[in-house]
Amino acid sequence: MQVSSEWRKRSKYSPLRQRKRAMAEVLVRIDGRDIAIACAPHEQRRVADLAALLESRMAVYAGEPEALRRLVLTALALMDETQAAGAALARARAEIDRLNEQGADAHVEGDEGTGRVASLTRQTEGAA
């Protein structure tokens, strides 16, 4: 199968496109070891901040002799927090939906009430 040179230039696999997506590298220190992490240039600061946060969280398990065990305990604690935050977010969204529905119902009832008030006002003004 022959592929046109124009297609190769547009393909996500083309060497030209791959060069355009140059990766940056951040050197982070985790558990006393320097680790090079590849990332997009605009993500360097974020990766460095996340690594620093991970390092500080691992300090909680400083009494553990094995580095891998400390890392696993830290990862499990972070996953637990992530799931708890996700559940809290789901509950908050459900409450927002409930309040929005309640507000919409109140708005409709309020419009009907306004009509009744206007009618009573006209009747009162007509009697006076």
Protein backbone atom coordinates (compact mmCIF):
# COMPACT_ATOMS: atom_id res chain seq x y z
CA MET A 1 0.00 0.00 0.00
CA GLN A 2 1.39 3.37 -0.93
CA VAL A 3 0.87 6.33 1.32
CA SER A 4 1.11 9.85 -0.03
CA SER A 5 3.79 12.11 1.36
CA GLU A 6 1.07 14.64 2.24
CA TRP A 7 -0.63 12.08 4.50
CA ARG A 8 2.68 11.33 6.20
CA LYS A 9 3.08 15.03 7.05
CA ARG A 10 -0.39 15.16 8.64
CA SER A 11 -0.23 11.78 10.37
CA LYS A 12 0.14 11.78 14.14
CA TYR A 13 2.95 9.27 13.64
CA SER A 14 5.03 11.46 11.36
CA PRO A 15 8.52 12.37 12.57
CA LEU A 16 7.72 16.02 11.89
CA ARG A 17 4.77 15.99 14.30
CA GLN A 18 6.69 14.03 16.90
CA ARG A 19 9.47 16.64 16.88
CA LYS A 20 6.89 19.39 17.43
CA ARG A 21 5.76 17.66 20.61
CA ALA A 22 9.13 18.04 22.30
CA MET A 23 9.11 16.81 25.84
CA ALA A 24 10.73 18.54 28.76
CA GLU A 25 12.37 16.73 31.61
CA VAL A 26 12.06 17.45 35.31
CA LEU A 27 14.48 16.04 37.83
CA VAL A 28 12.66 15.26 41.08
CA ARG A 29 13.87 13.75 44.33
CA ILE A 30 11.72 11.02 45.85
CA ASP A 31 12.89 9.09 48.88
CA GLY A 32 16.43 10.41 48.46
CA ARG A 33 16.67 9.35 44.81
CA ASP A 34 16.79 11.63 41.79
CA ILE A 35 14.26 10.62 39.15
CA ALA A 36 13.95 12.15 35.68
CA ILE A 37 10.32 12.61 34.60
CA ALA A 38 9.40 13.48 31.01
CA CYS A 39 6.50 15.89 30.58
CA ALA A 40 5.23 18.67 28.36
CA PRO A 41 7.18 21.91 28.84
CA HIS A 42 4.19 23.69 30.41
CA GLU A 43 3.79 20.88 32.98
CA GLN A 44 7.28 21.05 34.49
CA ARG A 45 6.29 23.16 37.49
CA ARG A 46 3.23 21.00 38.18
CA VAL A 47 5.25 17.77 38.08
CA ALA A 48 7.86 19.26 40.42
CA ASP A 49 5.13 20.43 42.83
CA LEU A 50 3.44 17.02 42.79
CA ALA A 51 6.77 15.29 43.46
CA ALA A 52 7.40 17.60 46.41
CA LEU A 53 3.93 16.85 47.75
CA LEU A 54 4.51 13.11 47.38
CA GLU A 55 7.84 13.39 49.18
CA SER A 56 6.20 15.26 52.06
CA ARG A 57 3.38 12.71 52.26
CA MET A 58 5.87 9.85 52.33
CA ALA A 59 7.47 11.42 55.41
CA VAL A 60 4.41 10.27 57.39
CA TYR A 61 5.69 6.70 56.96
CA ALA A 62 9.30 7.50 57.80
CA GLY A 63 9.38 4.70 60.40
CA GLU A 64 8.91 2.07 57.70
CA PRO A 65 12.29 0.59 56.72
CA GLU A 66 11.38 -0.30 53.12
CA ALA A 67 11.08 2.48 50.57
CA LEU A 68 8.63 0.51 48.44
CA ARG A 69 6.39 -0.13 51.43
CA ARG A 70 6.39 3.61 52.26
CA LEU A 71 5.51 4.40 48.67
CA VAL A 72 2.66 1.87 48.63
CA LEU A 73 1.24 3.13 51.94
CA THR A 74 1.38 6.72 50.65
CA ALA A 75 -0.30 5.75 47.37
CA LEU A 76 -3.07 3.91 49.22
CA ALA A 77 -3.68 6.92 51.49
CA LEU A 78 -3.83 9.23 48.46
CA MET A 79 -6.25 6.91 46.64
CA ASP A 80 -8.45 6.77 49.73
CA GLU A 81 -8.56 10.58 49.88
CA THR A 82 -9.29 10.76 46.15
CA GLN A 83 -12.23 8.38 46.44
CA ALA A 84 -13.60 10.23 49.47
CA ALA A 85 -13.34 13.54 47.61
CA GLY A 86 -15.07 12.02 44.57
CA ALA A 87 -17.92 10.74 46.74
CA ALA A 88 -18.28 14.14 48.42
CA LEU A 89 -18.35 15.82 45.02
CA ALA A 90 -21.07 13.44 43.82
CA ARG A 91 -23.15 14.21 46.93
CA ALA A 92 -22.65 17.95 46.41
CA ARG A 93 -23.72 17.71 42.76
CA ALA A 94 -26.84 15.75 43.75
CA GLU A 95 -27.69 18.42 46.34
CA ILE A 96 -27.18 21.19 43.76
CA ASP A 97 -29.50 19.37 41.35
CA ARG A 98 -32.09 18.94 44.11
CA LEU A 99 -31.92 22.62 45.05
CA ASN A 100 -32.13 23.70 41.41
CA GLU A 101 -35.27 21.59 40.95
CA GLN A 102 -36.71 22.96 44.18
CA GLY A 103 -35.91 26.52 43.03
CA ALA A 104 -37.56 25.92 39.65
CA ASP A 105 -40.69 24.60 41.39
CA ALA A 106 -40.74 27.64 43.71
CA HIS A 107 -40.35 29.96 40.73
CA VAL A 108 -43.34 28.42 38.97
CA GLU A 109 -45.43 28.59 42.15
CA GLY A 110 -44.27 32.17 42.68
CA ASP A 111 -45.43 33.14 39.19
CA GLU A 112 -48.85 31.67 39.89
CA GLY A 113 -48.97 33.51 43.22
CA THR A 114 -48.06 36.78 41.52
CA GLY A 115 -51.03 36.33 39.19
CA ARG A 116 -53.35 35.84 42.14
CA VAL A 117 -51.98 38.89 43.92
CA ALA A 118 -52.41 41.01 40.79
CA SER A 119 -55.99 39.79 40.40
CA LEU A 120 -56.80 40.61 44.03
CA THR A 121 -55.18 44.03 43.65
CA ARG A 122 -57.35 44.81 40.58
CA GLN A 123 -60.47 43.65 42.43
CA THR A 124 -59.61 45.80 45.44
CA GLU A 125 -58.87 48.84 43.29
CA GLY A 126 -62.13 48.33 41.40
CA ALA A 127 -64.14 48.20 44.63
CA ALA A 128 -62.61 51.40 45.94
